Amino acid sequence: MVVLNFYIPDWLYERLPLLYAAAGLCAMLFLQGGFAKFSGLVLCATAALVWSQRRQYRAREQKRLQFQRRQRRRHTNNTQWV
């Protein structure tokens, strides 16, 4: 199995869903034909899905980090009295 290892700059990575949505809207508005409309719709749906998945992951990750901080504080507070 071949694994491609490349880096996408943060500024581009964060804007990819916006680029997907913009390309989808342009395809639906400026191109004619059913396939163009369908492709535009797929691009817009992909943008929404990517944005949603990133939002869910970041919320989950933030909760996990908050939990770890509380655990460390609790552990630190308990060991001070020993």
Protein backbone atom coordinates (compact mmCIF):
# COMPACT_ATOMS: atom_id res chain seq x y z
CA MET A 1 0.00 0.00 0.00
CA VAL A 2 1.34 3.41 -0.96
CA VAL A 3 0.96 6.20 1.58
CA LEU A 4 1.30 9.75 0.34
CA ASN A 5 2.78 12.00 2.97
CA PHE A 6 2.35 15.67 2.12
CA TYR A 7 1.60 18.86 3.98
CA ILE A 8 -1.26 21.26 3.37
CA PRO A 9 -0.74 24.71 4.93
CA ASP A 10 -3.16 25.54 7.75
CA TRP A 11 -4.63 28.52 5.95
CA LEU A 12 -5.56 26.31 2.98
CA TYR A 13 -6.77 23.41 5.12
CA GLU A 14 -9.17 25.65 7.04
CA ARG A 15 -10.61 27.15 3.85
CA LEU A 16 -11.15 23.93 1.90
CA PRO A 17 -14.85 23.59 2.81
CA LEU A 18 -15.40 27.17 1.65
CA LEU A 19 -13.63 26.40 -1.62
CA TYR A 20 -15.77 23.28 -2.09
CA ALA A 21 -18.95 25.27 -1.51
CA ALA A 22 -17.85 28.11 -3.81
CA ALA A 23 -16.95 25.66 -6.58
CA GLY A 24 -20.28 23.89 -6.12
CA LEU A 25 -22.27 27.11 -6.28
CA CYS A 26 -20.35 28.26 -9.37
CA ALA A 27 -20.99 24.91 -11.05
CA MET A 28 -24.71 25.08 -10.31
CA LEU A 29 -25.08 28.73 -11.35
CA PHE A 30 -22.79 29.08 -14.35
CA LEU A 31 -22.65 25.64 -15.96
CA GLN A 32 -25.51 24.11 -17.88
CA GLY A 33 -26.64 20.55 -17.83
CA GLY A 34 -27.84 18.08 -15.29
CA PHE A 35 -24.41 16.64 -14.56
CA ALA A 36 -23.05 20.12 -13.72
CA LYS A 37 -25.95 20.77 -11.35
CA PHE A 38 -25.48 17.38 -9.71
CA SER A 39 -21.71 17.92 -9.37
CA GLY A 40 -22.31 21.33 -7.82
CA LEU A 41 -24.76 19.82 -5.36
CA VAL A 42 -22.26 17.09 -4.45
CA LEU A 43 -19.55 19.71 -3.86
CA CYS A 44 -21.86 21.76 -1.62
CA ALA A 45 -22.89 18.64 0.32
CA THR A 46 -19.21 17.70 0.71
CA ALA A 47 -18.42 21.16 2.05
CA ALA A 48 -21.20 20.87 4.62
CA LEU A 49 -20.08 17.38 5.62
CA VAL A 50 -16.42 18.35 6.03
CA TRP A 51 -17.34 21.45 8.04
CA SER A 52 -19.67 19.43 10.27
CA GLN A 53 -17.13 16.65 10.87
CA ARG A 54 -14.41 19.12 11.77
CA ARG A 55 -16.73 20.95 14.16
CA GLN A 56 -17.77 17.72 15.90
CA TYR A 57 -14.19 16.51 16.21
CA ARG A 58 -12.98 19.82 17.63
CA ALA A 59 -15.81 19.93 20.17
CA ARG A 60 -15.06 16.35 21.24
CA GLU A 61 -11.34 17.09 21.45
CA GLN A 62 -11.96 20.21 23.53
CA LYS A 63 -14.12 18.24 25.99
CA ARG A 64 -11.44 15.55 26.22
CA LEU A 65 -8.75 18.14 26.96
CA GLN A 66 -10.91 19.83 29.60
CA PHE A 67 -11.49 16.46 31.25
CA GLN A 68 -7.75 15.74 31.28
CA ARG A 69 -7.03 19.14 32.84
CA ARG A 70 -9.60 18.50 35.58
CA GLN A 71 -8.11 15.08 36.25
CA ARG A 72 -4.61 16.56 36.52
CA ARG A 73 -5.83 19.29 38.87
CA ARG A 74 -7.66 16.74 40.99
CA HIS A 75 -4.59 14.52 41.07
CA THR A 76 -2.33 17.48 41.88
CA ASN A 77 -4.63 18.65 44.67
CA ASN A 78 -4.77 15.16 46.20
CA THR A 79 -1.01 14.71 46.27
CA GLN A 80 -0.38 18.03 47.98
CA TRP A 81 -2.01 16.77 51.20
CA VAL A 82 -0.04 13.55 51.39
